[in-house]
């Protein structure tokens, strides 16, 4: 492929020398596939400059890998033919605090002629950011990452686990309790330290509801950077856990019937640096474009579920009255609404934003941010409006009352969500034929693979995949 510009080649050589001086021996170049698995190619640091100039080869077939490592096919992707080049983003190269001797960088994917790969999810996210900018809008996004930690069994590996797996939690304290922080204070300190050393601004870290469950929130950023950040957060937590003899799971359903792991997406809209969630005199403080953007999200929620909840395990988590947001509605500070409007303190100019509560960590974060922007921009283009906000828990209302209020259940299975994505013209147009088709192929394969599995079997089979 065509090589990078001279200034980029020089920057790559400078970075390689700096990494060597810092004791880095290997660099992990990662991308996230359509099943939400972080895949990797690694290169020795002395080969980093060459990799940054001409890329590292990989097969396009990874676009149709499933979470269980089978390979499906779409109309445009599948089989052994073809090659792509992975080019690391030189602005995101980070030495890994919990993996001495290693650095990390996310990649963009190109063909052999240097053209962007149409199914590259990271470049899809960037295109949607650019599309928003062309409309005069900037977005800031951030993720909440939830995980469950257990003691690692001796010699655990990819085949470890199962429906009868004995789960050994390293803490016994109650949900949200300080006891858990005391029990795992060294571990949580090391998680916080590693994230900070890597340049991530930790806003909160605290125990969550399920046994052994924690959550970390990092500062909002440009959407592509926010997606990079959540990948780095996840792999850092995994590495710190391993160094403490622990094992971290980000799976949507860790134990069937219990609260699972979400990965909520927070988003705020801005124009010329000013928040559009602080419009003077406007209802809910929302500028008209923000109303339309959020209205577009509410309308697109059934299709967005196939992006943000991509596994049959996701739908074990999506249960009413579990703060997972399973109804197509929004609310002001309502944690049971799929879209929660966060008002923030009145004197905080950046306090207002919105939160999508349905998404989980099986989602490809680049697909997630890109699809959300695409749906919101379609809302602006179509002058979408927000329905009346929901107060209280829709799950405790009767069927007739929900119908009277216009509140409907979001897809309860991956098949239903994939059907909605297949019919979504705005998301199809934004993603393009190749990416849209590959995502659908993976969703259909995931559902078929687990079609005859009981919930306990699905949770056990996917527990350690993310």
Protein backbone atom coordinates (compact mmCIF):
# COMPACT_ATOMS: atom_id res chain seq x y z
CA UNK A 1 0.00 0.00 0.00
CA UNK A 2 1.02 3.63 -0.31
CA UNK A 3 3.24 4.60 2.61
CA UNK A 4 2.51 7.36 5.10
CA UNK A 5 3.64 10.95 4.71
CA UNK A 6 7.26 11.77 5.68
CA UNK A 7 6.21 13.55 8.90
CA UNK A 8 4.21 10.48 9.99
CA UNK A 9 7.14 8.19 9.25
CA UNK A 10 9.37 10.42 11.34
CA UNK A 11 6.83 10.42 14.17
CA UNK A 12 6.67 6.62 14.07
CA UNK A 13 10.48 6.39 14.35
CA UNK A 14 10.45 8.87 17.24
CA UNK A 15 7.77 6.86 19.04
CA UNK A 16 9.67 3.61 18.51
CA UNK A 17 12.81 5.15 20.02
CA UNK A 18 10.81 6.52 22.95
CA UNK A 19 9.14 3.17 23.59
CA UNK A 20 12.51 1.43 23.51
CA UNK A 21 13.89 3.93 26.02
CA UNK A 22 10.92 3.17 28.30
CA UNK A 23 11.65 -0.56 28.20
CA UNK A 24 8.91 -1.54 25.76
CA UNK A 25 9.70 -4.69 23.79
CA UNK A 26 6.38 -5.40 22.03
CA UNK A 27 3.41 -3.42 20.79
CA UNK A 28 -0.15 -4.77 20.74
CA UNK A 29 -2.16 -3.49 17.77
CA UNK A 30 -5.85 -4.04 18.44
CA UNK A 31 -9.15 -3.81 16.64
CA UNK A 32 -12.60 -4.92 17.78
CA UNK A 33 -14.58 -7.31 15.62
CA UNK A 34 -18.32 -7.28 15.03
CA UNK A 35 -18.87 -9.76 17.87
CA UNK A 36 -17.19 -7.35 20.28
CA UNK A 37 -14.00 -9.38 20.73
CA UNK A 38 -10.76 -7.40 20.91
CA UNK A 39 -8.45 -9.04 18.37
CA UNK A 40 -4.73 -8.33 18.16
CA UNK A 41 -1.55 -8.50 16.13
CA UNK A 42 1.70 -7.76 17.97
CA UNK A 43 5.02 -6.51 16.62
CA UNK A 44 8.41 -6.12 18.32
CA UNK A 45 9.19 -2.50 19.07
CA UNK A 46 12.01 -2.48 16.53
CA UNK A 47 9.39 -3.26 13.86
CA UNK A 48 6.92 -0.64 15.05
CA UNK A 49 8.07 2.10 12.66
CA UNK A 50 7.77 -0.26 9.69
CA UNK A 51 4.33 -1.40 10.85
CA UNK A 52 3.24 2.20 11.23
CA UNK A 53 4.44 3.01 7.71
CA UNK A 54 2.99 0.13 5.70
CA UNK A 55 0.73 -1.65 8.15
CA UNK A 56 0.44 -5.23 9.36
CA UNK A 57 -1.48 -7.78 7.33
CA UNK A 58 -4.74 -9.39 8.36
CA UNK A 59 -7.57 -11.18 6.61
CA UNK A 60 -10.91 -9.45 5.94
CA UNK A 61 -12.59 -12.60 7.23
CA UNK A 62 -12.25 -11.30 10.80
CA UNK A 63 -15.27 -9.12 10.04
CA UNK A 64 -17.42 -12.27 10.20
CA UNK A 65 -15.82 -13.97 13.23
CA UNK A 66 -18.27 -14.84 15.98
CA UNK A 67 -17.70 -14.54 19.72
CA UNK A 68 -17.02 -18.29 19.90
CA UNK A 69 -14.41 -18.08 17.08
CA UNK A 70 -16.46 -19.67 14.32
CA UNK A 71 -16.46 -17.95 10.94
CA UNK A 72 -19.68 -17.08 9.15
CA UNK A 73 -20.10 -15.12 5.90
CA UNK A 74 -22.03 -12.22 4.46
CA UNK A 75 -22.69 -11.42 0.82
CA UNK A 76 -19.45 -9.42 0.66
CA UNK A 77 -17.21 -10.89 3.36
CA UNK A 78 -16.05 -14.45 3.95
CA UNK A 79 -13.56 -17.02 2.82
CA UNK A 80 -9.76 -17.06 2.60
CA UNK A 81 -9.22 -14.42 -0.09
CA UNK A 82 -7.96 -10.87 0.35
CA UNK A 83 -5.74 -8.94 2.73
CA UNK A 84 -5.97 -5.76 4.75
CA UNK A 85 -3.39 -3.56 6.45
CA UNK A 86 -3.59 -2.56 10.11
CA UNK A 87 -2.17 0.93 10.70
CA UNK A 88 -1.71 2.02 14.33
CA UNK A 89 -3.00 5.42 15.38
CA UNK A 90 0.21 7.19 16.35
CA UNK A 91 -1.68 9.59 18.62
CA UNK A 92 -2.93 6.73 20.82
CA UNK A 93 0.24 4.73 21.46
CA UNK A 94 0.38 3.94 25.21
CA UNK A 95 2.89 1.91 27.26
CA UNK A 96 0.83 -0.54 29.32
CA UNK A 97 1.23 -0.03 33.05
CA UNK A 98 0.05 -3.52 34.04
CA UNK A 99 1.97 -5.31 31.27
CA UNK A 100 5.64 -4.30 31.59
CA UNK A 101 7.46 -4.39 28.29
CA UNK A 102 4.30 -3.84 26.27
CA UNK A 103 2.64 -0.88 24.56
CA UNK A 104 -0.79 -0.64 22.92
CA UNK A 105 -2.31 1.19 19.98
CA UNK A 106 -5.69 0.92 18.24
CA UNK A 107 -5.60 0.49 14.49
CA UNK A 108 -7.46 1.63 11.41
CA UNK A 109 -7.85 -0.84 8.58
CA UNK A 110 -7.01 -0.19 4.93
CA UNK A 111 -6.74 -2.23 1.76
CA UNK A 112 -3.48 -2.87 -0.06
CA UNK A 113 -3.84 0.34 -2.06
CA UNK A 114 -4.20 2.48 1.05
CA UNK A 115 -7.96 2.97 0.75
CA UNK A 116 -10.09 2.81 3.92
CA UNK A 117 -11.64 -0.62 4.43
CA UNK A 118 -15.44 -0.12 4.07
CA UNK A 119 -16.11 -2.37 7.08
CA UNK A 120 -13.58 -0.72 9.42
CA UNK A 121 -15.64 0.09 12.49
CA UNK A 122 -13.21 2.69 13.84
CA UNK A 123 -13.30 4.63 10.59
CA UNK A 124 -17.10 4.33 10.54
CA UNK A 125 -17.14 6.04 13.94
CA UNK A 126 -14.84 8.77 12.64
CA UNK A 127 -17.03 9.31 9.56
CA UNK A 128 -20.04 9.84 11.81
CA UNK A 129 -18.07 12.33 13.93
CA UNK A 130 -17.19 14.19 10.73
CA UNK A 131 -20.82 14.07 9.60
CA UNK A 132 -21.88 15.64 12.89
CA UNK A 133 -19.18 18.30 12.56
CA UNK A 134 -20.48 19.17 9.09
CA UNK A 135 -23.82 19.88 10.76
CA UNK A 136 -22.08 22.14 13.27
CA UNK A 137 -22.28 19.65 16.13
CA UNK A 138 -19.63 18.20 18.40
CA UNK A 139 -20.22 15.24 20.69
CA UNK A 140 -18.51 14.13 23.86
CA UNK A 141 -19.00 10.57 24.97
CA UNK A 142 -17.91 8.31 27.80
CA UNK A 143 -18.54 4.77 28.95
CA UNK A 144 -19.24 3.17 32.31
CA UNK A 145 -17.46 -0.19 32.42
CA UNK A 146 -18.84 -2.89 34.71
CA UNK A 147 -17.05 -6.14 35.43
CA UNK A 148 -17.20 -9.10 37.78
CA UNK A 149 -14.04 -10.46 39.35
CA UNK A 150 -13.38 -13.96 40.70
CA UNK A 151 -10.32 -15.81 41.89
CA UNK A 152 -8.64 -17.48 38.94
CA UNK A 153 -8.52 -21.28 39.11
CA UNK A 154 -5.10 -22.85 38.65
CA UNK A 155 -4.28 -23.35 35.00
CA UNK A 156 -7.40 -21.64 33.70
CA UNK A 157 -7.59 -21.12 29.96
CA UNK A 158 -10.05 -20.70 27.10
CA UNK A 159 -11.72 -24.02 27.87
CA UNK A 160 -12.19 -23.25 31.56
CA UNK A 161 -15.67 -22.60 32.85
CA UNK A 162 -19.03 -24.17 32.17
CA UNK A 163 -22.48 -24.45 33.64
CA UNK A 164 -21.06 -26.27 36.68
CA UNK A 165 -18.07 -23.93 37.14
CA UNK A 166 -17.33 -23.11 40.78
CA UNK A 167 -17.15 -19.32 41.09
CA UNK A 168 -14.85 -18.11 43.85
CA UNK A 169 -15.48 -14.43 44.58
CA UNK A 170 -12.62 -12.59 46.31
CA UNK A 171 -14.95 -10.26 48.21
CA UNK A 172 -18.06 -10.90 50.25
CA UNK A 173 -19.22 -7.38 51.01
CA UNK A 174 -22.70 -6.11 50.14
CA UNK A 175 -23.68 -4.31 46.95
CA UNK A 176 -22.15 -0.83 46.73
CA UNK A 177 -20.59 -1.46 50.15
CA UNK A 178 -17.34 -0.07 51.52
CA UNK A 179 -16.60 -3.60 52.71
CA UNK A 180 -15.75 -4.62 49.16
CA UNK A 181 -13.35 -1.71 48.82
CA UNK A 182 -11.62 -2.75 52.04
CA UNK A 183 -11.43 -6.38 50.95
CA UNK A 184 -9.91 -5.50 47.56
CA UNK A 185 -8.27 -2.16 48.29
CA UNK A 186 -4.87 -3.14 46.86
CA UNK A 187 -6.46 -4.43 43.68
CA UNK A 188 -8.67 -1.38 43.17
CA UNK A 189 -5.74 0.93 43.92
CA UNK A 190 -3.68 -0.80 41.24
CA UNK A 191 -6.54 -0.54 38.73
CA UNK A 192 -6.83 3.19 39.39
CA UNK A 193 -3.08 3.71 39.24
CA UNK A 194 -2.65 1.81 35.98
CA UNK A 195 -5.46 3.70 34.29
CA UNK A 196 -4.03 7.03 35.44
CA UNK A 197 -0.49 6.22 34.31
CA UNK A 198 -1.94 5.43 30.87
CA UNK A 199 -3.52 8.87 30.63
CA UNK A 200 -7.10 7.91 31.47
CA UNK A 201 -9.01 10.27 33.74
CA UNK A 202 -10.95 8.13 36.21
CA UNK A 203 -14.11 9.85 37.43
CA UNK A 204 -15.41 7.08 39.69
CA UNK A 205 -14.64 3.52 40.72
CA UNK A 206 -17.03 1.71 43.04
CA UNK A 207 -18.64 -1.64 43.91
CA UNK A 208 -21.76 -2.52 41.97
CA UNK A 209 -24.84 -4.69 42.65
CA UNK A 210 -23.89 -8.26 41.69
CA UNK A 211 -21.42 -10.41 43.69
CA UNK A 212 -17.84 -9.43 42.86
CA UNK A 213 -18.99 -6.60 40.59
CA UNK A 214 -17.34 -3.19 40.16
CA UNK A 215 -17.68 -0.22 37.85
CA UNK A 216 -15.24 2.39 36.58
CA UNK A 217 -16.19 5.58 34.74
CA UNK A 218 -13.70 7.60 32.72
CA UNK A 219 -13.96 11.20 31.56
CA UNK A 220 -15.88 11.99 28.37
CA UNK A 221 -13.96 12.57 25.16
CA UNK A 222 -14.29 12.78 21.41
CA UNK A 223 -16.38 9.70 20.41
CA UNK A 224 -13.53 7.82 18.69
CA UNK A 225 -11.23 8.46 21.63
CA UNK A 226 -14.00 7.38 24.02
CA UNK A 227 -14.25 4.07 22.15
CA UNK A 228 -10.45 3.68 22.30
CA UNK A 229 -10.57 4.46 26.01
CA UNK A 230 -13.11 1.76 26.84
CA UNK A 231 -10.98 -0.85 25.05
CA UNK A 232 -7.94 0.30 27.04
CA UNK A 233 -9.92 0.31 30.30
CA UNK A 234 -11.13 -3.24 29.74
CA UNK A 235 -7.73 -4.68 28.87
CA UNK A 236 -6.09 -2.81 31.75
CA UNK A 237 -8.60 -4.19 34.25
CA UNK A 238 -8.02 -7.64 32.80
CA UNK A 239 -4.24 -7.29 33.14
CA UNK A 240 -4.34 -5.92 36.69
CA UNK A 241 -6.72 -8.72 37.66
CA UNK A 242 -4.34 -11.35 36.31
CA UNK A 243 -1.45 -9.86 38.31
CA UNK A 244 -3.57 -10.23 41.46
CA UNK A 245 -4.50 -13.84 40.72
CA UNK A 246 -7.99 -12.75 39.72
CA UNK A 247 -10.09 -13.08 36.60
CA UNK A 248 -12.28 -10.30 35.19
CA UNK A 249 -15.45 -10.85 33.17
CA UNK A 250 -17.22 -8.12 31.20
CA UNK A 251 -19.89 -10.51 29.89
CA UNK A 252 -23.47 -9.23 29.75
CA UNK A 253 -24.73 -12.20 31.77
CA UNK A 254 -22.29 -13.70 34.25
CA UNK A 255 -24.81 -15.95 36.01
CA UNK A 256 -28.23 -16.38 34.39
CA UNK A 257 -30.95 -14.79 36.45
CA UNK A 258 -28.61 -12.35 38.18
CA UNK A 259 -27.76 -8.75 37.38
CA UNK A 260 -25.26 -8.64 34.53
CA UNK A 261 -22.59 -6.24 33.29
CA UNK A 262 -23.65 -3.15 31.40
CA UNK A 263 -21.50 -0.65 29.54
CA UNK A 264 -23.65 2.48 29.56
CA UNK A 265 -22.88 5.16 27.00
CA UNK A 266 -23.03 8.81 28.09
CA UNK A 267 -23.26 11.54 25.46
CA UNK A 268 -23.50 15.30 25.29
CA UNK A 269 -24.02 17.64 22.34
CA UNK A 270 -22.16 20.91 21.81
CA UNK A 271 -22.01 23.69 19.24
CA UNK A 272 -19.00 26.00 19.16
CA UNK A 273 -17.95 24.65 22.55
CA UNK A 274 -21.27 25.47 24.25
CA UNK A 275 -23.47 22.71 25.67
CA UNK A 276 -26.79 22.18 23.92
CA UNK A 277 -28.18 20.76 27.18
CA UNK A 278 -28.21 24.22 28.75
CA UNK A 279 -30.59 26.17 26.50
CA UNK A 280 -32.07 29.05 28.57
CA UNK A 281 -35.82 28.75 28.98
CA UNK A 282 -36.10 25.51 26.98
CA UNK A 283 -38.01 22.54 28.35
CA UNK A 284 -35.56 20.17 30.04
CA UNK A 285 -32.85 22.68 29.08
CA UNK A 286 -32.54 21.08 25.64
CA UNK A 287 -31.84 23.05 22.49
CA UNK A 288 -34.03 22.06 19.49
CA UNK A 289 -31.25 20.05 17.83
CA UNK A 290 -30.71 18.12 21.06
CA UNK A 291 -34.43 17.30 21.30
CA UNK A 292 -34.37 16.04 17.72
CA UNK A 293 -31.11 14.11 18.22
CA UNK A 294 -32.42 12.36 21.34
CA UNK A 295 -35.77 11.80 19.65
CA UNK A 296 -33.90 10.04 16.87
CA UNK A 297 -32.20 7.82 19.43
CA UNK A 298 -35.48 6.84 21.07
CA UNK A 299 -36.99 6.02 17.67
CA UNK A 300 -33.93 3.96 16.67
CA UNK A 301 -33.58 2.03 19.94
CA UNK A 302 -34.95 -1.29 18.59
CA UNK A 303 -32.33 -1.31 15.80
CA UNK A 304 -29.57 0.10 18.02
CA UNK A 305 -30.05 -2.86 20.34
CA UNK A 306 -28.48 -5.11 17.68
CA UNK A 307 -25.38 -2.88 17.85
CA UNK A 308 -25.13 -2.30 21.61
CA UNK A 309 -26.46 -5.70 22.76
CA UNK A 310 -24.92 -8.09 20.20
CA UNK A 311 -25.06 -11.46 21.98
CA UNK A 312 -27.84 -13.79 23.08
CA UNK A 313 -26.29 -13.29 26.53
CA UNK A 314 -27.19 -9.59 26.27
CA UNK A 315 -30.88 -10.46 26.38
CA UNK A 316 -30.46 -12.40 29.60
CA UNK A 317 -29.33 -9.10 31.14
CA UNK A 318 -32.14 -7.03 29.59
CA UNK A 319 -34.87 -7.74 32.13
CA UNK A 320 -37.56 -5.36 33.41
CA UNK A 321 -37.02 -3.65 36.76
CA UNK A 322 -33.25 -4.28 36.66
CA UNK A 323 -32.15 -0.74 35.68
CA UNK A 324 -31.22 -2.05 32.22
CA UNK A 325 -33.68 0.05 30.20
CA UNK A 326 -35.77 -2.55 28.38
CA UNK A 327 -38.64 -0.29 27.29
CA UNK A 328 -38.55 2.16 24.38
CA UNK A 329 -38.83 5.31 26.44
CA UNK A 330 -36.83 8.09 28.03
CA UNK A 331 -37.02 9.86 31.35
CA UNK A 332 -35.48 12.65 33.37
CA UNK A 333 -33.07 11.00 35.84
CA UNK A 334 -34.99 7.74 35.42
CA UNK A 335 -32.68 4.72 35.67
CA UNK A 336 -35.33 2.36 34.29
CA UNK A 337 -35.67 4.32 31.04
CA UNK A 338 -33.59 3.17 28.08
CA UNK A 339 -32.51 6.79 27.57
CA UNK A 340 -31.90 8.71 30.77
CA UNK A 341 -31.63 12.49 30.67
CA UNK A 342 -29.12 13.66 33.27
CA UNK A 343 -29.78 17.26 34.23
CA UNK A 344 -26.72 17.88 36.39
CA UNK A 345 -26.29 20.80 38.75
CA UNK A 346 -27.81 24.01 37.36
CA UNK A 347 -24.53 25.90 37.75
CA UNK A 348 -22.50 23.23 35.93
CA UNK A 349 -22.23 24.30 32.27
CA UNK A 350 -21.26 20.77 31.21
CA UNK A 351 -23.45 18.87 33.66
CA UNK A 352 -26.32 18.06 31.33
CA UNK A 353 -26.10 15.03 29.08
CA UNK A 354 -27.86 11.75 28.25
CA UNK A 355 -27.18 8.10 29.04
CA UNK A 356 -28.03 5.00 27.00
CA UNK A 357 -28.55 2.27 29.58
CA UNK A 358 -29.16 -0.72 27.33
CA UNK A 359 -25.63 -1.23 25.95
CA UNK A 360 -23.18 -3.80 27.30
CA UNK A 361 -19.48 -4.62 26.91
CA UNK A 362 -20.08 -7.28 24.24
CA UNK A 363 -20.67 -4.34 21.90
CA UNK A 364 -17.99 -3.08 19.57
CA UNK A 365 -17.62 0.45 21.01
CA UNK A 366 -16.75 1.97 17.64
CA UNK A 367 -19.94 0.57 16.14
CA UNK A 368 -21.83 1.80 19.19
CA UNK A 369 -20.70 5.43 19.02
CA UNK A 370 -20.99 5.55 15.24
CA UNK A 371 -24.50 4.10 15.17
CA UNK A 372 -25.69 6.40 17.96
CA UNK A 373 -24.41 9.46 16.09
CA UNK A 374 -26.02 8.24 12.86
CA UNK A 375 -29.38 7.69 14.57
CA UNK A 376 -29.24 11.08 16.28
CA UNK A 377 -28.34 12.93 13.09
CA UNK A 378 -31.23 11.21 11.33
CA UNK A 379 -33.42 12.51 14.13
CA UNK A 380 -32.26 16.05 13.37
CA UNK A 381 -32.76 15.58 9.63
CA UNK A 382 -36.29 14.24 10.17
CA UNK A 383 -37.19 16.81 12.86
CA UNK A 384 -37.84 14.04 15.40
CA UNK A 385 -39.47 14.91 18.69
CA UNK A 386 -39.23 13.37 22.12
CA UNK A 387 -42.37 11.68 23.43
CA UNK A 388 -43.54 12.46 26.95
CA UNK A 389 -40.90 11.43 29.50
CA UNK A 390 -41.52 8.31 31.55
CA UNK A 391 -41.55 8.54 35.33
CA UNK A 392 -41.21 5.48 37.53
CA UNK A 393 -40.66 1.89 36.46
CA UNK A 394 -42.52 0.90 33.27
CA UNK A 395 -42.12 -2.73 34.30
CA UNK A 396 -44.62 -2.39 37.14
CA UNK A 397 -47.32 -0.98 34.86
CA UNK A 398 -49.92 -3.24 33.37
CA UNK A 399 -49.91 -4.03 29.66
CA UNK A 400 -52.87 -1.76 29.03
CA UNK A 401 -51.32 1.15 30.90
CA UNK A 402 -48.06 0.82 28.98
CA UNK A 403 -50.04 0.74 25.74
CA UNK A 404 -51.97 3.85 26.80
CA UNK A 405 -48.70 5.66 27.41
CA UNK A 406 -47.17 4.42 24.15
CA UNK A 407 -44.42 2.46 25.95
CA UNK A 408 -43.36 -0.70 24.13
CA UNK A 409 -40.91 -3.43 25.04
CA UNK A 410 -37.63 -3.31 23.19
CA UNK A 411 -36.57 -6.51 21.36
CA UNK A 412 -36.34 -9.40 23.79
CA UNK A 413 -34.07 -11.54 21.58
CA UNK A 414 -31.12 -10.95 19.33
CA UNK A 415 -33.18 -12.14 16.36
CA UNK A 416 -35.78 -9.43 16.98
CA UNK A 417 -33.10 -6.76 17.30
CA UNK A 418 -31.28 -7.94 14.16
CA UNK A 419 -34.57 -7.81 12.24
CA UNK A 420 -34.91 -4.17 13.29
CA UNK A 421 -31.34 -3.38 12.24
CA UNK A 422 -31.91 -5.05 8.88
CA UNK A 423 -34.93 -2.78 8.28
CA UNK A 424 -33.24 0.42 9.45
CA UNK A 425 -32.58 2.50 6.33
CA UNK A 426 -30.71 5.27 8.24
CA UNK A 427 -28.27 2.85 9.88
CA UNK A 428 -27.85 0.86 6.66
CA UNK A 429 -26.96 4.05 4.78
CA UNK A 430 -24.58 5.27 7.47
CA UNK A 431 -22.77 1.95 7.91
CA UNK A 432 -22.60 1.05 4.22
CA UNK A 433 -23.42 -2.26 2.59
CA UNK A 434 -20.32 -4.18 3.62
CA UNK A 435 -20.30 -3.24 7.31
CA UNK A 436 -24.07 -3.51 7.71
CA UNK A 437 -24.10 -6.92 6.04
CA UNK A 438 -21.18 -8.25 8.09
CA UNK A 439 -22.78 -7.15 11.37
CA UNK A 440 -26.05 -8.83 10.45
CA UNK A 441 -24.27 -12.03 9.42
CA UNK A 442 -22.53 -12.24 12.79
CA UNK A 443 -25.77 -11.52 14.68
CA UNK A 444 -27.62 -14.27 12.79
CA UNK A 445 -24.80 -16.73 13.44
CA UNK A 446 -24.70 -15.91 17.18
CA UNK A 447 -28.44 -16.45 17.54
CA UNK A 448 -28.37 -19.71 15.58
CA UNK A 449 -25.45 -21.06 17.60
CA UNK A 450 -27.30 -20.63 20.90
CA UNK A 451 -30.83 -21.32 19.61
CA UNK A 452 -31.21 -24.56 21.58
CA UNK A 453 -29.27 -23.45 24.69
CA UNK A 454 -30.77 -22.79 28.09
CA UNK A 455 -30.03 -19.43 29.75
CA UNK A 456 -27.55 -21.07 32.15
CA UNK A 457 -25.69 -22.60 29.22
CA UNK A 458 -25.54 -19.28 27.34
CA UNK A 459 -24.20 -17.43 30.38
CA UNK A 460 -21.58 -20.11 31.07
CA UNK A 461 -20.46 -20.32 27.43
CA UNK A 462 -19.98 -16.55 27.12
CA UNK A 463 -18.78 -15.75 30.65
CA UNK A 464 -15.11 -15.39 29.75
CA UNK A 465 -15.40 -14.27 26.12
CA UNK A 466 -15.36 -10.52 26.94
